[in-house]
Amino acid sequence: MRNAMGSWPFVFIFFAVIIAWTLLNTLLLSRVLHHKAFDPYPYNLLNLFLSMVAGVQAAFLLLAAKRTDAISSEIAIHTEQNTDDIKKLIAENTALTTTVKLNTDLLDEIHRHVTNIGKKVGAEMGHRAARDALGDGPRETAADEPPAGG
């Protein structure tokens, strides 16, 4: 209702009705048809109708304002709930990111240790292979030989 009464078409129609009212009463009825006008010059009836329209418009504006306030209140409540939810999600995300960082650091440390172990084992294997090639390696014992008949 607020959109209808607060529009230019309403204003133009309102003025057209007032002008038609005055022309009908002043010119057509009293001067052209020589009849008594149903609302002569001070236009008391028109004034009464305009006062009623103003009262109804005030009520409509108050109702529209209350409705707008109710909608704004609901939006504010919804926004506050969403903000709280987002804060919780951010806190959870931060905790998970911290955990992932910690696990990544541990994984890097494990990788470093495995790489060092691999280098040591590779170096020892290289030394053993070099000794075996020169004939200085350890000799095979009876326990190292494969079983007979197999």
Protein backbone atom coordinates (compact mmCIF):
# COMPACT_ATOMS: atom_id res chain seq x y z
CA MET A 1 0.00 0.00 0.00
CA ARG A 2 2.89 2.34 0.76
CA ASN A 3 4.27 1.76 -2.72
CA ALA A 4 0.91 2.63 -4.27
CA MET A 5 0.29 5.80 -2.26
CA GLY A 6 3.89 6.92 -2.55
CA SER A 7 3.95 6.84 -6.34
CA TRP A 8 3.54 9.48 -9.02
CA PRO A 9 0.45 7.86 -10.58
CA PHE A 10 -1.31 8.10 -7.21
CA VAL A 11 -0.42 11.79 -6.91
CA PHE A 12 -1.68 12.55 -10.43
CA ILE A 13 -4.90 10.59 -9.92
CA PHE A 14 -5.43 12.29 -6.57
CA PHE A 15 -5.08 15.74 -8.13
CA ALA A 16 -7.33 14.72 -11.03
CA VAL A 17 -10.07 13.66 -8.61
CA ILE A 18 -9.84 16.95 -6.69
CA ILE A 19 -9.93 19.00 -9.91
CA ALA A 20 -12.84 16.94 -11.25
CA TRP A 21 -14.69 17.42 -7.96
CA THR A 22 -14.30 21.17 -8.01
CA LEU A 23 -15.14 21.47 -11.72
CA LEU A 24 -18.21 19.28 -11.33
CA ASN A 25 -19.48 21.28 -8.38
CA THR A 26 -18.51 24.77 -9.47
CA LEU A 27 -18.88 24.84 -13.22
CA LEU A 28 -21.04 21.98 -14.40
CA LEU A 29 -23.73 21.71 -11.74
CA SER A 30 -24.09 25.30 -10.56
CA ARG A 31 -23.38 27.31 -13.74
CA VAL A 32 -24.15 25.09 -16.73
CA LEU A 33 -27.04 22.96 -15.46
CA HIS A 34 -28.27 25.58 -12.96
CA HIS A 35 -28.72 22.95 -10.31
CA LYS A 36 -27.67 23.24 -6.78
CA ALA A 37 -24.16 21.79 -6.35
CA PHE A 38 -23.99 18.84 -3.97
CA ASP A 39 -20.84 20.39 -2.38
CA PRO A 40 -20.81 24.17 -2.87
CA TYR A 41 -17.72 26.41 -2.89
CA PRO A 42 -16.03 25.91 0.48
CA TYR A 43 -16.20 22.21 -0.47
CA ASN A 44 -16.84 20.94 3.05
CA LEU A 45 -17.54 17.41 1.85
CA LEU A 46 -14.31 17.36 -0.18
CA ASN A 47 -12.45 18.65 2.88
CA LEU A 48 -13.97 15.83 4.94
CA PHE A 49 -12.89 13.22 2.38
CA LEU A 50 -9.38 14.67 2.22
CA SER A 51 -9.14 14.53 6.01
CA MET A 52 -10.25 10.89 5.96
CA VAL A 53 -7.70 10.08 3.25
CA ALA A 54 -4.97 11.76 5.33
CA GLY A 55 -5.97 9.71 8.38
CA VAL A 56 -5.96 6.48 6.40
CA GLN A 57 -2.63 7.36 4.78
CA ALA A 58 -1.10 7.99 8.21
CA ALA A 59 -2.31 4.57 9.36
CA PHE A 60 -0.93 2.94 6.21
CA LEU A 61 2.42 4.66 6.66
CA LEU A 62 2.61 3.48 10.28
CA LEU A 63 1.73 -0.08 9.27
CA ALA A 64 4.32 0.00 6.49
CA ALA A 65 6.94 1.35 8.89
CA LYS A 66 6.15 -1.39 11.43
CA ARG A 67 6.40 -4.01 8.69
CA THR A 68 9.72 -2.60 7.53
CA ASP A 69 11.01 -2.62 11.11
CA ALA A 70 9.93 -6.23 11.53
CA ILE A 71 11.71 -7.23 8.32
CA SER A 72 14.85 -5.32 9.36
CA SER A 73 14.76 -7.02 12.75
CA GLU A 74 14.51 -10.48 11.17
CA ILE A 75 17.38 -9.67 8.82
CA ALA A 76 19.51 -8.47 11.75
CA ILE A 77 18.81 -11.65 13.73
CA HIS A 78 19.60 -13.81 10.69
CA THR A 79 22.81 -11.86 10.04
CA GLU A 80 23.89 -12.25 13.67
CA GLN A 81 23.29 -16.02 13.54
CA ASN A 82 25.23 -16.28 10.29
CA THR A 83 28.07 -14.25 11.77
CA ASP A 84 28.25 -16.57 14.79
CA ASP A 85 28.25 -19.62 12.50
CA ILE A 86 31.00 -18.11 10.37
CA LYS A 87 33.09 -17.35 13.46
CA LYS A 88 32.75 -21.00 14.56
CA LEU A 89 33.74 -22.23 11.10
CA ILE A 90 36.75 -19.91 11.04
CA ALA A 91 37.86 -21.18 14.47
CA GLU A 92 37.50 -24.80 13.30
CA ASN A 93 39.35 -24.00 10.08
CA THR A 94 42.17 -22.35 12.03
CA ALA A 95 42.47 -25.38 14.33
CA LEU A 96 42.54 -27.76 11.35
CA THR A 97 45.11 -25.62 9.57
CA THR A 98 47.31 -25.65 12.67
CA THR A 99 46.99 -29.45 12.88
CA VAL A 100 47.83 -29.85 9.20
CA LYS A 101 50.88 -27.59 9.62
CA LEU A 102 52.06 -29.61 12.62
CA ASN A 103 51.59 -32.89 10.73
CA THR A 104 53.39 -31.48 7.68
CA ASP A 105 56.33 -30.44 9.85
CA LEU A 106 56.44 -33.93 11.41
CA LEU A 107 56.28 -35.51 7.97
CA ASP A 108 59.16 -33.32 6.78
CA GLU A 109 61.19 -34.38 9.82
CA ILE A 110 60.44 -38.07 9.14
CA HIS A 111 61.42 -37.59 5.50
CA ARG A 112 64.70 -35.97 6.55
CA HIS A 113 65.49 -38.88 8.91
CA VAL A 114 64.64 -41.50 6.28
CA THR A 115 66.79 -39.68 3.74
CA ASN A 116 69.72 -39.61 6.18
CA ILE A 117 69.24 -43.30 6.97
CA GLY A 118 69.14 -44.03 3.23
CA LYS A 119 72.35 -42.10 2.68
CA LYS A 120 74.09 -43.99 5.51
CA VAL A 121 72.84 -47.36 4.29
CA GLY A 122 73.78 -46.49 0.73
CA ALA A 123 77.25 -45.41 1.81
CA GLU A 124 77.72 -48.60 3.80
CA MET A 125 76.47 -50.67 0.86
CA GLY A 126 78.87 -48.79 -1.41
CA HIS A 127 81.78 -49.52 0.94
CA ARG A 128 80.79 -53.18 1.22
CA ALA A 129 80.47 -53.50 -2.56
CA ALA A 130 83.88 -51.90 -3.01
CA ARG A 131 85.46 -54.26 -0.45
CA ASP A 132 83.80 -57.27 -2.08
CA ALA A 133 85.10 -56.18 -5.46
CA LEU A 134 88.64 -55.94 -4.05
CA GLY A 135 88.31 -59.23 -2.27
CA ASP A 136 88.59 -57.73 1.17
CA GLY A 137 84.98 -58.39 2.10
CA PRO A 138 83.83 -60.80 4.74
CA ARG A 139 84.10 -64.45 3.92
CA GLU A 140 81.06 -66.65 3.72
CA THR A 141 80.63 -69.01 6.59
CA ALA A 142 78.84 -72.35 6.67
CA ALA A 143 75.73 -70.66 8.02
CA ASP A 144 75.64 -68.36 4.96
CA GLU A 145 75.88 -71.22 2.42
CA PRO A 146 72.71 -72.59 0.90
CA PRO A 147 71.60 -76.04 2.12
CA ALA A 148 72.86 -78.98 0.15
CA GLY A 149 70.56 -80.91 -2.12
CA GLY A 150 68.22 -78.07 -2.74
